[in-house]
Amino acid sequence: MNRRFFLYAGTVATGAIVTFPSMGKTPTSHNVFGNLIFTADRPGRFAHKAKSHLPIITPVDTPQGQTIRVETNHEMNGYQHYIVKHQIFDQDYNLIDEKLFNPKIEKKPVSLFKLDDYSGLIYATSLCNKHDLWLAQATV
């Protein structure tokens, strides 16, 4: 797959997270979930891949303040099969931060994101180069 096209498609899918809920739909009720964006409840055609693709969100106390750890239990097999990036969004679907992975250097897709004073619902995405965009949520 053309890397530029893949990154473009990932950006479009991420935009869907922001756009569709603002059209009066909640993230779990719009039919984009299970077709374009995959969740625990709507894994679509990749149901057998959910365990290794859903981002896991864990609050972490650090001296720098409230932080979350996002991890995907997924291999990093060079550019053949890997997690491209993690992104986190606030409850209004505003991008807080993202981390791009280099599969030649990073052995596990793990991200730490500082949240400052933020509390509430948080969304995390995990983008796989073969199995598309996965979304999880947690309250912090």
C-alpha atoms as a PDB file:
ATOM      1  CA  MET A   1       0.000   0.000   0.000  1.00  0.00           C
ATOM      2  CA  ASN A   2       1.241   3.492  -0.813  1.00  0.00           C
ATOM      3  CA  ARG A   3       2.423   5.024   2.483  1.00  0.00           C
ATOM      4  CA  ARG A   4       1.186   8.526   1.599  1.00  0.00           C
ATOM      5  CA  PHE A   5      -2.265   7.216   0.729  1.00  0.00           C
ATOM      6  CA  PHE A   6      -2.364   5.225   3.970  1.00  0.00           C
ATOM      7  CA  LEU A   7      -1.476   8.261   6.078  1.00  0.00           C
ATOM      8  CA  TYR A   8      -4.056  10.304   4.137  1.00  0.00           C
ATOM      9  CA  ALA A   9      -6.729   7.649   4.757  1.00  0.00           C
ATOM     10  CA  GLY A  10      -5.838   7.569   8.460  1.00  0.00           C
ATOM     11  CA  THR A  11      -6.215  11.330   8.655  1.00  0.00           C
ATOM     12  CA  VAL A  12      -9.606  11.161   6.921  1.00  0.00           C
ATOM     13  CA  ALA A  13     -10.780   8.447   9.327  1.00  0.00           C
ATOM     14  CA  THR A  14      -9.591  10.509  12.284  1.00  0.00           C
ATOM     15  CA  GLY A  15     -11.520  13.458  10.882  1.00  0.00           C
ATOM     16  CA  ALA A  16     -14.620  11.270  10.867  1.00  0.00           C
ATOM     17  CA  ILE A  17     -14.348  10.898  14.642  1.00  0.00           C
ATOM     18  CA  VAL A  18     -14.532  14.654  14.954  1.00  0.00           C
ATOM     19  CA  THR A  19     -17.132  15.265  12.228  1.00  0.00           C
ATOM     20  CA  PHE A  20     -19.779  12.567  12.655  1.00  0.00           C
ATOM     21  CA  PRO A  21     -20.451  13.106  16.361  1.00  0.00           C
ATOM     22  CA  SER A  22     -20.897  16.816  15.703  1.00  0.00           C
ATOM     23  CA  MET A  23     -23.678  15.909  13.261  1.00  0.00           C
ATOM     24  CA  GLY A  24     -25.874  14.853  16.180  1.00  0.00           C
ATOM     25  CA  LYS A  25     -24.664  11.269  16.449  1.00  0.00           C
ATOM     26  CA  THR A  26     -22.770   9.747  19.324  1.00  0.00           C
ATOM     27  CA  PRO A  27     -19.590   7.852  18.434  1.00  0.00           C
ATOM     28  CA  THR A  28     -21.129   4.462  19.112  1.00  0.00           C
ATOM     29  CA  SER A  29     -24.400   5.049  17.254  1.00  0.00           C
ATOM     30  CA  HIS A  30     -23.205   6.161  13.822  1.00  0.00           C
ATOM     31  CA  ASN A  31     -22.756   3.437  11.201  1.00  0.00           C
ATOM     32  CA  VAL A  32     -19.193   4.606  10.535  1.00  0.00           C
ATOM     33  CA  PHE A  33     -18.277   2.495  13.576  1.00  0.00           C
ATOM     34  CA  GLY A  34     -17.680  -1.103  12.603  1.00  0.00           C
ATOM     35  CA  ASN A  35     -17.155  -0.087   8.978  1.00  0.00           C
ATOM     36  CA  LEU A  36     -14.513   2.666   8.955  1.00  0.00           C
ATOM     37  CA  ILE A  37     -13.562   2.951  12.621  1.00  0.00           C
ATOM     38  CA  PHE A  38     -13.485  -0.134  14.834  1.00  0.00           C
ATOM     39  CA  THR A  39     -14.338  -0.391  18.539  1.00  0.00           C
ATOM     40  CA  ALA A  40     -14.716  -3.151  21.127  1.00  0.00           C
ATOM     41  CA  ASP A  41     -18.484  -3.134  20.506  1.00  0.00           C
ATOM     42  CA  ARG A  42     -18.174  -2.784  16.736  1.00  0.00           C
ATOM     43  CA  PRO A  43     -15.071  -4.587  15.490  1.00  0.00           C
ATOM     44  CA  GLY A  44     -16.619  -5.172  12.065  1.00  0.00           C
ATOM     45  CA  ARG A  45     -14.739  -7.431   9.695  1.00  0.00           C
ATOM     46  CA  PHE A  46     -11.767  -7.453  12.083  1.00  0.00           C
ATOM     47  CA  ALA A  47     -13.548  -8.990  15.099  1.00  0.00           C
ATOM     48  CA  HIS A  48     -10.782 -11.571  15.473  1.00  0.00           C
ATOM     49  CA  LYS A  49      -8.217  -8.721  15.611  1.00  0.00           C
ATOM     50  CA  ALA A  50      -9.838  -6.596  18.338  1.00  0.00           C
ATOM     51  CA  LYS A  51      -7.659  -7.821  21.210  1.00  0.00           C
ATOM     52  CA  SER A  52      -4.442  -6.879  19.428  1.00  0.00           C
ATOM     53  CA  HIS A  53      -5.648  -3.580  17.966  1.00  0.00           C
ATOM     54  CA  LEU A  54      -7.784  -1.786  20.572  1.00  0.00           C
ATOM     55  CA  PRO A  55      -5.835   0.886  22.436  1.00  0.00           C
ATOM     56  CA  ILE A  56      -5.638   0.338  26.195  1.00  0.00           C
ATOM     57  CA  ILE A  57      -5.913   3.554  28.234  1.00  0.00           C
ATOM     58  CA  THR A  58      -4.348   3.572  31.704  1.00  0.00           C
ATOM     59  CA  PRO A  59      -4.139   6.635  34.015  1.00  0.00           C
ATOM     60  CA  VAL A  60      -0.627   7.115  35.416  1.00  0.00           C
ATOM     61  CA  ASP A  61       0.435   9.375  38.277  1.00  0.00           C
ATOM     62  CA  THR A  62       3.668  11.163  37.483  1.00  0.00           C
ATOM     63  CA  PRO A  63       5.538  14.057  39.116  1.00  0.00           C
ATOM     64  CA  GLN A  64       4.619  16.100  36.016  1.00  0.00           C
ATOM     65  CA  GLY A  65       0.878  15.714  36.693  1.00  0.00           C
ATOM     66  CA  GLN A  66      -1.950  13.638  35.313  1.00  0.00           C
ATOM     67  CA  THR A  67      -0.808  11.416  32.467  1.00  0.00           C
ATOM     68  CA  ILE A  68      -2.347   8.557  30.536  1.00  0.00           C
ATOM     69  CA  ARG A  69      -0.577   5.629  28.992  1.00  0.00           C
ATOM     70  CA  VAL A  70      -1.953   4.301  25.714  1.00  0.00           C
ATOM     71  CA  GLU A  71      -0.754   0.874  24.653  1.00  0.00           C
ATOM     72  CA  THR A  72      -1.723  -1.444  21.829  1.00  0.00           C
ATOM     73  CA  ASN A  73      -0.898  -5.147  22.248  1.00  0.00           C
ATOM     74  CA  HIS A  74       0.394  -5.346  18.707  1.00  0.00           C
ATOM     75  CA  GLU A  75       3.597  -6.405  17.004  1.00  0.00           C
ATOM     76  CA  MET A  76       5.914  -3.890  15.391  1.00  0.00           C
ATOM     77  CA  ASN A  77       7.104  -5.906  12.397  1.00  0.00           C
ATOM     78  CA  GLY A  78       9.012  -3.211  10.529  1.00  0.00           C
ATOM     79  CA  TYR A  79       6.945  -1.456   7.897  1.00  0.00           C
ATOM     80  CA  GLN A  80       5.183  -4.725   7.005  1.00  0.00           C
ATOM     81  CA  HIS A  81       2.726  -4.661   9.933  1.00  0.00           C
ATOM     82  CA  TYR A  82       2.761  -2.105  12.726  1.00  0.00           C
ATOM     83  CA  ILE A  83       0.878   0.559  14.670  1.00  0.00           C
ATOM     84  CA  VAL A  84       1.394   3.851  12.862  1.00  0.00           C
ATOM     85  CA  LYS A  85       0.238   6.187  15.628  1.00  0.00           C
ATOM     86  CA  HIS A  86      -1.804   6.849  18.736  1.00  0.00           C
ATOM     87  CA  GLN A  87      -3.994   9.918  19.137  1.00  0.00           C
ATOM     88  CA  ILE A  88      -6.003  11.186  22.102  1.00  0.00           C
ATOM     89  CA  PHE A  89      -9.064  13.417  22.010  1.00  0.00           C
ATOM     90  CA  ASP A  90     -11.055  15.185  24.712  1.00  0.00           C
ATOM     91  CA  GLN A  91     -14.783  14.642  25.266  1.00  0.00           C
ATOM     92  CA  ASP A  92     -15.573  17.224  22.555  1.00  0.00           C
ATOM     93  CA  TYR A  93     -13.360  15.355  20.042  1.00  0.00           C
ATOM     94  CA  ASN A  94     -10.605  17.954  20.078  1.00  0.00           C
ATOM     95  CA  LEU A  95      -7.173  16.488  19.437  1.00  0.00           C
ATOM     96  CA  ILE A  96      -5.059  16.673  22.593  1.00  0.00           C
ATOM     97  CA  ASP A  97      -1.917  14.987  21.305  1.00  0.00           C
ATOM     98  CA  GLU A  98      -0.568  12.227  19.095  1.00  0.00           C
ATOM     99  CA  LYS A  99       2.484  10.031  18.780  1.00  0.00           C
ATOM    100  CA  LEU A 100       3.839   8.586  15.537  1.00  0.00           C
ATOM    101  CA  PHE A 101       5.793   5.352  15.755  1.00  0.00           C
ATOM    102  CA  ASN A 102       8.908   4.293  13.899  1.00  0.00           C
ATOM    103  CA  PRO A 103       8.610   0.495  13.638  1.00  0.00           C
ATOM    104  CA  LYS A 104      12.328   0.185  12.899  1.00  0.00           C
ATOM    105  CA  ILE A 105      13.161   1.677  16.320  1.00  0.00           C
ATOM    106  CA  GLU A 106      10.172   1.165  18.642  1.00  0.00           C
ATOM    107  CA  LYS A 107       9.442  -2.416  19.686  1.00  0.00           C
ATOM    108  CA  LYS A 108       6.032  -1.740  21.298  1.00  0.00           C
ATOM    109  CA  PRO A 109       3.356   0.852  20.537  1.00  0.00           C
ATOM    110  CA  VAL A 110       3.192   2.665  23.878  1.00  0.00           C
ATOM    111  CA  SER A 111       2.496   6.379  24.360  1.00  0.00           C
ATOM    112  CA  LEU A 112       2.433   8.667  27.387  1.00  0.00           C
ATOM    113  CA  PHE A 113       0.260  11.772  27.174  1.00  0.00           C
ATOM    114  CA  LYS A 114       0.234  14.578  29.747  1.00  0.00           C
ATOM    115  CA  LEU A 115      -3.296  15.823  30.435  1.00  0.00           C
ATOM    116  CA  ASP A 116      -2.591  18.844  32.649  1.00  0.00           C
ATOM    117  CA  ASP A 117      -5.863  19.647  34.448  1.00  0.00           C
ATOM    118  CA  TYR A 118      -8.147  17.754  32.063  1.00  0.00           C
ATOM    119  CA  SER A 119     -10.781  15.433  33.485  1.00  0.00           C
ATOM    120  CA  GLY A 120     -13.674  13.713  31.811  1.00  0.00           C
ATOM    121  CA  LEU A 121     -14.162  11.380  28.879  1.00  0.00           C
ATOM    122  CA  ILE A 122     -11.099  10.733  26.741  1.00  0.00           C
ATOM    123  CA  TYR A 123     -10.814   8.905  23.422  1.00  0.00           C
ATOM    124  CA  ALA A 124      -7.720   7.114  22.173  1.00  0.00           C
ATOM    125  CA  THR A 125      -7.108   5.824  18.670  1.00  0.00           C
ATOM    126  CA  SER A 126      -4.661   3.232  17.418  1.00  0.00           C
ATOM    127  CA  LEU A 127      -3.970   3.164  13.675  1.00  0.00           C
ATOM    128  CA  CYS A 128      -2.695  -0.119  12.208  1.00  0.00           C
ATOM    129  CA  ASN A 129      -1.236  -0.103   8.708  1.00  0.00           C
ATOM    130  CA  LYS A 130      -3.213  -3.262   7.816  1.00  0.00           C
ATOM    131  CA  HIS A 131      -6.251  -3.291  10.099  1.00  0.00           C
ATOM    132  CA  ASP A 132      -7.310   0.346  10.110  1.00  0.00           C
ATOM    133  CA  LEU A 133      -8.350   2.701  12.917  1.00  0.00           C
ATOM    134  CA  TRP A 134      -9.416   1.492  16.384  1.00  0.00           C
ATOM    135  CA  LEU A 135     -11.074   3.628  19.048  1.00  0.00           C
ATOM    136  CA  ALA A 136     -11.367   3.191  22.825  1.00  0.00           C
ATOM    137  CA  GLN A 137     -12.593   5.517  25.547  1.00  0.00           C
ATOM    138  CA  ALA A 138     -12.057   6.020  29.260  1.00  0.00           C
ATOM    139  CA  THR A 139     -12.917   8.534  31.938  1.00  0.00           C
ATOM    140  CA  VAL A 140     -10.060  10.309  33.671  1.00  0.00           C
END
